[in-house]
Structure formats: structure tokens, C-alpha cells
Protein backbone atom coordinates (compact mmCIF):
# COMPACT_ATOMS: atom_id res chain seq x y z
CA UNK A 1 43.50 -47.53 -73.74
CA UNK A 2 42.57 -44.90 -76.34
CA UNK A 3 43.83 -41.43 -75.41
CA UNK A 4 41.18 -38.83 -76.21
CA UNK A 5 41.80 -35.09 -75.67
CA UNK A 6 39.23 -32.58 -74.46
CA UNK A 7 37.59 -30.35 -77.05
CA UNK A 8 38.68 -27.11 -75.31
CA UNK A 9 35.31 -25.36 -75.28
CA UNK A 10 35.82 -21.61 -75.94
CA UNK A 11 36.60 -19.51 -72.86
CA UNK A 12 33.72 -17.25 -71.92
CA UNK A 13 31.11 -19.93 -72.73
CA UNK A 14 28.21 -19.80 -70.26
CA UNK A 15 27.78 -22.98 -68.21
CA UNK A 16 24.94 -25.05 -69.68
CA UNK A 17 22.21 -25.78 -67.16
CA UNK A 18 21.33 -29.31 -66.09
CA UNK A 19 19.25 -31.27 -63.62
CA UNK A 20 20.48 -34.81 -63.02
CA UNK A 21 20.11 -37.51 -60.35
CA UNK A 22 22.81 -37.66 -57.69
CA UNK A 23 24.09 -40.86 -56.12
CA UNK A 24 21.83 -40.12 -53.12
CA UNK A 25 18.76 -40.08 -55.37
CA UNK A 26 18.01 -36.34 -55.28
CA UNK A 27 17.98 -34.21 -58.42
CA UNK A 28 20.81 -31.67 -58.57
CA UNK A 29 20.83 -28.67 -60.92
CA UNK A 30 23.68 -26.40 -61.93
CA UNK A 31 22.26 -23.77 -59.54
CA UNK A 32 22.32 -26.33 -56.70
CA UNK A 33 25.93 -27.28 -57.38
CA UNK A 34 27.31 -23.82 -58.18
CA UNK A 35 29.46 -21.93 -55.69
CA UNK A 36 29.42 -18.14 -55.20
CA UNK A 37 33.09 -17.87 -56.25
CA UNK A 38 33.00 -20.38 -59.09
CA UNK A 39 32.11 -23.91 -60.12
CA UNK A 40 34.07 -26.93 -61.30
CA UNK A 41 32.14 -29.30 -63.56
CA UNK A 42 34.02 -32.53 -64.22
CA UNK A 43 33.11 -35.49 -66.39
CA UNK A 44 34.39 -38.70 -64.82
CA UNK A 45 33.37 -42.35 -64.48
CA UNK A 46 34.20 -45.34 -62.31
CA UNK A 47 36.13 -47.66 -64.63
CA UNK A 48 38.49 -45.35 -66.55
CA UNK A 49 42.19 -45.81 -65.64
CA UNK A 50 42.78 -42.07 -66.20
CA UNK A 51 40.09 -41.22 -63.63
CA UNK A 52 41.29 -43.89 -61.18
CA UNK A 53 44.77 -42.36 -61.47
CA UNK A 54 43.51 -38.95 -60.23
CA UNK A 55 40.52 -39.95 -58.06
CA UNK A 56 42.24 -39.25 -54.74
CA UNK A 57 43.10 -35.75 -55.99
CA UNK A 58 39.48 -35.21 -57.02
CA UNK A 59 38.40 -36.01 -53.47
CA UNK A 60 41.10 -33.62 -52.19
CA UNK A 61 39.73 -30.83 -54.39
CA UNK A 62 36.39 -31.24 -52.65
CA UNK A 63 38.00 -31.05 -49.23
CA UNK A 64 40.12 -28.03 -50.18
CA UNK A 65 37.72 -25.85 -52.18
CA UNK A 66 34.08 -26.47 -51.25
CA UNK A 67 34.58 -24.48 -48.03
CA UNK A 68 36.13 -21.63 -50.02
CA UNK A 69 33.04 -20.88 -52.11
CA UNK A 70 33.79 -23.15 -55.06
CA UNK A 71 31.05 -25.51 -56.15
CA UNK A 72 32.17 -28.87 -57.49
CA UNK A 73 30.09 -31.42 -59.35
CA UNK A 74 31.06 -34.65 -61.10
CA UNK A 75 29.02 -36.14 -63.94
CA UNK A 76 29.20 -39.61 -65.48
CA UNK A 77 27.76 -39.84 -69.00
CA UNK A 78 28.98 -43.30 -70.02
CA UNK A 79 26.68 -45.85 -71.62
CA UNK A 80 26.07 -48.39 -68.86
CA UNK A 81 24.80 -50.98 -71.34
CA UNK A 82 28.38 -51.41 -72.55
CA UNK A 83 30.07 -50.37 -69.27
CA UNK A 84 27.98 -51.69 -66.36
CA UNK A 85 30.71 -50.79 -63.84
CA UNK A 86 29.73 -47.14 -64.48
CA UNK A 87 26.09 -47.71 -63.49
CA UNK A 88 24.41 -45.40 -60.96
CA UNK A 89 24.46 -48.25 -58.42
CA UNK A 90 28.22 -48.56 -58.78
CA UNK A 91 28.59 -44.76 -58.68
CA UNK A 92 27.17 -44.83 -55.13
CA UNK A 93 29.99 -47.16 -54.02
CA UNK A 94 32.61 -45.15 -55.91
CA UNK A 95 31.58 -41.88 -54.26
CA UNK A 96 31.63 -43.50 -50.81
CA UNK A 97 34.96 -45.27 -51.30
CA UNK A 98 36.67 -42.20 -52.75
CA UNK A 99 35.20 -39.83 -50.17
CA UNK A 100 33.68 -37.46 -52.72
CA UNK A 101 32.07 -34.55 -50.85
CA UNK A 102 30.50 -33.17 -54.03
CA UNK A 103 27.52 -34.45 -56.04
CA UNK A 104 28.23 -37.30 -58.47
CA UNK A 105 25.49 -37.20 -61.11
CA UNK A 106 24.39 -39.59 -63.83
CA UNK A 107 23.69 -38.21 -67.32
CA UNK A 108 21.60 -41.08 -68.74
CA UNK A 109 20.74 -39.34 -72.03
CA UNK A 110 24.29 -38.01 -72.49
CA UNK A 111 22.67 -34.65 -73.28
CA UNK A 112 24.68 -32.78 -70.65
CA UNK A 113 27.94 -34.18 -72.02
CA UNK A 114 26.84 -32.91 -75.44
CA UNK A 115 26.05 -29.44 -74.04
CA UNK A 116 29.50 -29.18 -72.44
CA UNK A 117 31.27 -30.69 -75.47
CA UNK A 118 32.79 -33.21 -73.07
CA UNK A 119 34.94 -35.77 -74.85
CA UNK A 120 36.93 -37.71 -72.29
CA UNK A 121 37.14 -38.87 -68.70
CA UNK A 122 38.33 -36.92 -66.86
CA UNK A 123 37.34 -33.60 -68.49
CA UNK A 124 37.38 -30.40 -66.40
CA UNK A 125 35.53 -27.09 -66.74
CA UNK A 126 35.93 -24.14 -64.33
CA UNK A 127 33.35 -21.36 -64.41
CA UNK A 128 33.54 -18.07 -62.50
CA UNK A 129 30.82 -16.71 -60.21
CA UNK A 130 28.90 -15.50 -63.28
CA UNK A 131 29.08 -19.03 -64.76
CA UNK A 132 31.46 -17.94 -67.52
CA UNK A 133 34.13 -20.48 -68.54
CA UNK A 134 37.61 -19.42 -67.34
CA UNK A 135 39.48 -22.73 -67.50
CA UNK A 136 39.09 -26.05 -69.29
CA UNK A 137 41.51 -28.86 -69.80
CA UNK A 138 43.76 -31.04 -67.69
CA UNK A 139 43.94 -31.51 -63.95
CA UNK A 140 47.73 -31.69 -64.26
CA UNK A 141 50.33 -33.37 -66.48
CA UNK A 142 50.25 -36.75 -64.72
CA UNK A 143 48.94 -39.75 -66.65
CA UNK A 144 48.84 -43.46 -65.75
CA UNK A 145 52.38 -44.82 -65.97
CA UNK A 146 53.97 -41.37 -66.41
CA UNK A 147 55.76 -41.32 -63.02
CA UNK A 148 54.65 -37.67 -62.70
CA UNK A 149 52.98 -37.07 -59.30
CA UNK A 150 49.26 -36.24 -59.31
CA UNK A 151 49.03 -32.74 -57.80
CA UNK A 152 46.03 -31.17 -59.54
CA UNK A 153 48.44 -28.32 -60.27
CA UNK A 154 46.85 -26.87 -63.42
CA UNK A 155 43.29 -26.82 -62.11
CA UNK A 156 44.44 -25.69 -58.65
CA UNK A 157 46.37 -22.78 -60.20
CA UNK A 158 43.25 -21.74 -62.11
CA UNK A 159 41.16 -22.04 -58.93
CA UNK A 160 43.62 -19.95 -56.91
CA UNK A 161 43.72 -17.32 -59.67
CA UNK A 162 39.93 -17.18 -59.67
CA UNK A 163 39.74 -16.89 -55.88
CA UNK A 164 42.34 -14.10 -55.72
CA UNK A 165 40.94 -12.14 -58.66
CA UNK A 166 43.96 -12.80 -60.87
CA UNK A 167 44.09 -13.83 -64.49
CA UNK A 168 43.52 -17.47 -65.30
CA UNK A 169 46.25 -19.52 -66.89
CA UNK A 170 47.29 -18.32 -70.32
CA UNK A 171 48.36 -21.81 -71.38
CA UNK A 172 45.56 -24.31 -70.93
CA UNK A 173 46.34 -27.86 -71.98
CA UNK A 174 43.67 -30.37 -72.98
CA UNK A 175 42.84 -33.15 -70.59
CA UNK A 176 43.63 -36.62 -71.89
CA UNK A 177 41.55 -39.64 -70.98
CA UNK A 178 39.29 -42.41 -72.18
CA UNK A 179 36.60 -41.26 -74.56
CA UNK A 180 33.10 -40.97 -73.15
CA UNK A 181 31.33 -44.23 -73.96
CA UNK A 182 28.62 -42.93 -76.28
CA UNK A 183 25.42 -44.86 -76.89
CA UNK A 184 25.13 -46.16 -80.47
CA UNK A 185 24.17 -43.27 -82.74
CA UNK A 186 24.63 -40.70 -79.96
CA UNK A 187 28.23 -39.74 -80.69
CA UNK A 188 28.29 -35.94 -80.95
CA UNK A 189 29.55 -34.18 -84.07
CA UNK A 190 32.38 -32.45 -82.16
CA UNK A 191 33.85 -35.77 -81.03
CA UNK A 192 36.91 -36.86 -82.99
CA UNK A 193 38.21 -40.44 -82.74
């Protein structure tokens, strides 16, 4: 299990647009997924032990924040030729089993992952109502085998700050996870092994 950190895209970056297929077959754009108060864009997949470790908390985020004006969208950008368990067909089952209330999109070209400078699964980006990046990094400090409870504390603190008009976290720690499974020759220049 290779531990890959997020790239920590500069705060203030505007959310790159996208239009990708959802597990239900419809195309979903950033505008479709965005919430009036803010938007969480997360890069996840089905097979990664880091994502499996936090998947119940991801479902809880949907239950807790979608009704409060926060849009949430998950994107899988993994190469399914090398990781068939991350295929769109398997994503349908994953979304149903986990109880994801938010769109779970497939980035077949990996172009959206490139635009967001996503590096690992899970990788989290929180944008405000103007689609300006206010938080990026870890969900919380829990990792597989760490014995630290999964609370979503870091991202939840950033969400609460955004919803109450406060300042976002000063200290933002990179997420750690499996690297995105890039197609041969498609590894982005920002990605470090």
C-alpha cells in the first residue's frame, strides 16, 4: 500500500468545470452538483483501503450536509483496465451498498483528475458558494490500522466554518491515500511517486 499525499492545490483556485457520467447513467456537471453554500469534490474509488476505511463517513457527510446547502460529488478516475473493481458497473454497487446520496461519477479520460491536481484516493476539495477553493486535504487524521476513530473532523470543521461565515482552517493537512491509478503515459506532471 503506497501512501501518496494530496498536492494541496492553492487556496482560492476556481473549481474546474466537468461533465461526467453518474452511476445512474445521467451526465452531471459541476453546476449540477454544486450547492448554494459550497461544494465538496472528492476523488475516491471502490478498491482503495484508505477509501474503504472512511466510506461510512463519506455517506454520513451526504446525510449531514446536502440538506444544508452543500453540494457533494465523488469522482473515480482510476484506470479500470488495471483495476476492474473500480469499473462504472462496480461503482453502481458501491454507491448502493454505501448509501451515497451524492453523485458518484466516472472520469474515464482522467482529465478531471488532472484539472483538480488530484493525486490520491481519497482526495478532498471544498469550494465556497463562488466556487473558490477554501479547503483541501484530509478528511481527518485516521488511517487504516491507526486506531484513530474516523470522524471526518478536519473536513467537517471546514464545512462548519464555511456555513457560519467563519475563517477556514489555518492548518490544512494533506490527505494520504493510494495514488490514482493512471493510464500508461497519462501520469500528470504534478504527480510525485
